[in-house]
PDB file of N, CA and C in Angstrom:
ATOM      1  N   MET A   1     -66.573 263.252-103.791  1.00  0.00           N
ATOM      2  CA  MET A   1     -67.366 263.321-102.559  1.00  0.00           C
ATOM      3  C   MET A   1     -68.849 263.435-102.879  1.00  0.00           C
ATOM      4  N   SER A   2     -69.534 262.334-102.759  1.00  0.00           N
ATOM      5  CA  SER A   2     -70.976 262.363-103.020  1.00  0.00           C
ATOM      6  C   SER A   2     -71.713 262.011-101.740  1.00  0.00           C
ATOM      7  N   ILE A   3     -72.040 263.046-100.973  1.00  0.00           N
ATOM      8  CA  ILE A   3     -72.746 262.836 -99.707  1.00  0.00           C
ATOM      9  C   ILE A   3     -74.185 263.314 -99.849  1.00  0.00           C
ATOM     10  N   ASP A   4     -75.113 262.438 -99.500  1.00  0.00           N
ATOM     11  CA  ASP A   4     -76.525 262.808 -99.596  1.00  0.00           C
ATOM     12  C   ASP A   4     -76.943 263.481 -98.300  1.00  0.00           C
ATOM     13  N   TYR A   5     -76.912 264.805 -98.296  1.00  0.00           N
ATOM     14  CA  TYR A   5     -77.238 265.553 -97.087  1.00  0.00           C
ATOM     15  C   TYR A   5     -78.698 265.380 -96.686  1.00  0.00           C
ATOM     16  N   THR A   6     -79.531 265.014 -97.645  1.00  0.00           N
ATOM     17  CA  THR A   6     -80.962 264.879 -97.352  1.00  0.00           C
ATOM     18  C   THR A   6     -81.214 263.695 -96.438  1.00  0.00           C
ATOM     19  N   LYS A   7     -80.258 262.766 -96.390  1.00  0.00           N
ATOM     20  CA  LYS A   7     -80.460 261.582 -95.552  1.00  0.00           C
ATOM     21  C   LYS A   7     -79.875 261.762 -94.158  1.00  0.00           C
ATOM     22  N   LEU A   8     -79.229 262.889 -93.955  1.00  0.00           N
ATOM     23  CA  LEU A   8     -78.647 263.148 -92.640  1.00  0.00           C
ATOM     24  C   LEU A   8     -79.734 263.529 -91.653  1.00  0.00           C
ATOM     25  N   ARG A   9     -79.615 262.986 -90.458  1.00  0.00           N
ATOM     26  CA  ARG A   9     -80.585 263.317 -89.409  1.00  0.00           C
ATOM     27  C   ARG A   9     -79.839 263.855 -88.197  1.00  0.00           C
ATOM     28  N   ASP A  10     -78.890 264.730 -88.479  1.00  0.00           N
ATOM     29  CA  ASP A  10     -78.064 265.287 -87.415  1.00  0.00           C
ATOM     30  C   ASP A  10     -78.513 266.716 -87.117  1.00  0.00           C
ATOM     31  N   PRO A  11     -78.632 267.079 -85.848  1.00  0.00           N
ATOM     32  CA  PRO A  11     -79.047 268.438 -85.479  1.00  0.00           C
ATOM     33  C   PRO A  11     -78.101 269.480 -86.060  1.00  0.00           C
ATOM     34  N   ASN A  12     -76.848 269.086 -86.251  1.00  0.00           N
ATOM     35  CA  ASN A  12     -75.862 270.027 -86.767  1.00  0.00           C
ATOM     36  C   ASN A  12     -75.728 269.926 -88.283  1.00  0.00           C
ATOM     37  N   ALA A  13     -76.546 269.076 -88.888  1.00  0.00           N
ATOM     38  CA  ALA A  13     -76.438 268.867 -90.329  1.00  0.00           C
ATOM     39  C   ALA A  13     -76.661 270.180 -91.083  1.00  0.00           C
ATOM     40  N   GLU A  14     -77.664 270.927 -90.657  1.00  0.00           N
ATOM     41  CA  GLU A  14     -77.967 272.189 -91.340  1.00  0.00           C
ATOM     42  C   GLU A  14     -76.775 273.131 -91.281  1.00  0.00           C
ATOM     43  N   TYR A  15     -76.229 273.309 -90.088  1.00  0.00           N
ATOM     44  CA  TYR A  15     -75.087 274.213 -89.925  1.00  0.00           C
ATOM     45  C   TYR A  15     -73.895 273.723 -90.742  1.00  0.00           C
ATOM     46  N   THR A  16     -73.646 272.419 -90.627  1.00  0.00           N
ATOM     47  CA  THR A  16     -72.517 271.844 -91.358  1.00  0.00           C
ATOM     48  C   THR A  16     -72.682 272.070 -92.852  1.00  0.00           C
ATOM     49  N   MET A  17     -73.893 271.863 -93.333  1.00  0.00           N
ATOM     50  CA  MET A  17     -74.164 272.022 -94.755  1.00  0.00           C
ATOM     51  C   MET A  17     -73.890 273.466 -95.176  1.00  0.00           C
ATOM     52  N   ARG A  18     -74.381 274.408 -94.386  1.00  0.00           N
ATOM     53  CA  ARG A  18     -74.168 275.818 -94.728  1.00  0.00           C
ATOM     54  C   ARG A  18     -72.681 276.146 -94.694  1.00  0.00           C
ATOM     55  N   ASP A  19     -71.998 275.642 -93.667  1.00  0.00           N
ATOM     56  CA  ASP A  19     -70.577 275.926 -93.525  1.00  0.00           C
ATOM     57  C   ASP A  19     -69.806 275.387 -94.723  1.00  0.00           C
ATOM     58  N   LEU A  20     -70.052 274.130 -95.056  1.00  0.00           N
ATOM     59  CA  LEU A  20     -69.362 273.510 -96.184  1.00  0.00           C
ATOM     60  C   LEU A  20     -69.718 274.219 -97.484  1.00  0.00           C
ATOM     61  N   SER A  21     -70.984 274.569 -97.626  1.00  0.00           N
ATOM     62  CA  SER A  21     -71.431 275.237 -98.842  1.00  0.00           C
ATOM     63  C   SER A  21     -70.702 276.569 -99.002  1.00  0.00           C
ATOM     64  N   ALA A  22     -70.615 277.313 -97.906  1.00  0.00           N
ATOM     65  CA  ALA A  22     -69.941 278.611 -97.944  1.00  0.00           C
ATOM     66  C   ALA A  22     -68.474 278.431 -98.326  1.00  0.00           C
ATOM     67  N   GLU A  23     -67.826 277.457 -97.699  1.00  0.00           N
ATOM     68  CA  GLU A  23     -66.416 277.224 -97.997  1.00  0.00           C
ATOM     69  C   GLU A  23     -66.237 276.779 -99.441  1.00  0.00           C
ATOM     70  N   THR A  24     -67.108 275.897 -99.892  1.00  0.00           N
ATOM     71  CA  THR A  24     -67.021 275.396-101.261  1.00  0.00           C
ATOM     72  C   THR A  24     -67.196 276.538-102.253  1.00  0.00           C
ATOM     73  N   MET A  25     -68.170 277.390-102.000  1.00  0.00           N
ATOM     74  CA  MET A  25     -68.416 278.509-102.909  1.00  0.00           C
ATOM     75  C   MET A  25     -67.215 279.444-102.923  1.00  0.00           C
ATOM     76  N   GLN A  26     -66.631 279.662-101.751  1.00  0.00           N
ATOM     77  CA  GLN A  26     -65.477 280.546-101.666  1.00  0.00           C
ATOM     78  C   GLN A  26     -64.320 279.986-102.492  1.00  0.00           C
ATOM     79  N   VAL A  27     -64.063 278.702-102.325  1.00  0.00           N
ATOM     80  CA  VAL A  27     -62.983 278.058-103.073  1.00  0.00           C
ATOM     81  C   VAL A  27     -63.253 278.136-104.568  1.00  0.00           C
ATOM     82  N   THR A  28     -64.500 277.864-104.939  1.00  0.00           N
ATOM     83  CA  THR A  28     -64.865 277.899-106.351  1.00  0.00           C
ATOM     84  C   THR A  28     -64.663 279.303-106.910  1.00  0.00           C
ATOM     85  N   ARG A  29     -65.026 280.301-106.115  1.00  0.00           N
ATOM     86  CA  ARG A  29     -64.889 281.675-106.570  1.00  0.00           C
ATOM     87  C   ARG A  29     -63.411 282.029-106.733  1.00  0.00           C
ATOM     88  N   GLU A  30     -62.584 281.581-105.789  1.00  0.00           N
ATOM     89  CA  GLU A  30     -61.158 281.883-105.868  1.00  0.00           C
ATOM     90  C   GLU A  30     -60.538 281.238-107.099  1.00  0.00           C
ATOM     91  N   ARG A  31     -61.019 280.049-107.438  1.00  0.00           N
ATOM     92  CA  ARG A  31     -60.487 279.344-108.597  1.00  0.00           C
ATOM     93  C   ARG A  31     -61.013 279.956-109.895  1.00  0.00           C
ATOM     94  N   GLY A  32     -62.056 280.760-109.784  1.00  0.00           N
ATOM     95  CA  GLY A  32     -62.601 281.381-110.978  1.00  0.00           C
ATOM     96  C   GLY A  32     -63.516 280.445-111.732  1.00  0.00           C
ATOM     97  N   GLY A  33     -64.012 279.423-111.044  1.00  0.00           N
ATOM     98  CA  GLY A  33     -64.906 278.480-111.708  1.00  0.00           C
ATOM     99  C   GLY A  33     -66.338 278.735-111.298  1.00  0.00           C
ATOM    100  N   GLY A  34     -67.255 278.739-112.253  1.00  0.00           N
ATOM    101  CA  GLY A  34     -68.656 278.995-111.930  1.00  0.00           C
ATOM    102  C   GLY A  34     -69.459 277.715-111.907  1.00  0.00           C
ATOM    103  N   ARG A  35     -68.771 276.603-111.656  1.00  0.00           N
ATOM    104  CA  ARG A  35     -69.461 275.314-111.661  1.00  0.00           C
ATOM    105  C   ARG A  35     -70.094 275.028-110.314  1.00  0.00           C
ATOM    106  N   ASP A  36     -71.105 274.181-110.318  1.00  0.00           N
ATOM    107  CA  ASP A  36     -71.782 273.803-109.085  1.00  0.00           C
ATOM    108  C   ASP A  36     -71.131 272.537-108.545  1.00  0.00           C
ATOM    109  N   VAL A  37     -70.383 272.687-107.467  1.00  0.00           N
ATOM    110  CA  VAL A  37     -69.673 271.532-106.910  1.00  0.00           C
ATOM    111  C   VAL A  37     -70.407 270.990-105.722  1.00  0.00           C
TER     112      VAL A  37
END
């Protein structure tokens, strides 16, 4: 999944980005991986 969030011009893009980022970090933490996904 390679999505360029910088090119998004959606009012909800910021919220979506934060939401996805939070979920991604949570999943990464649960897996015990310290990689940047």
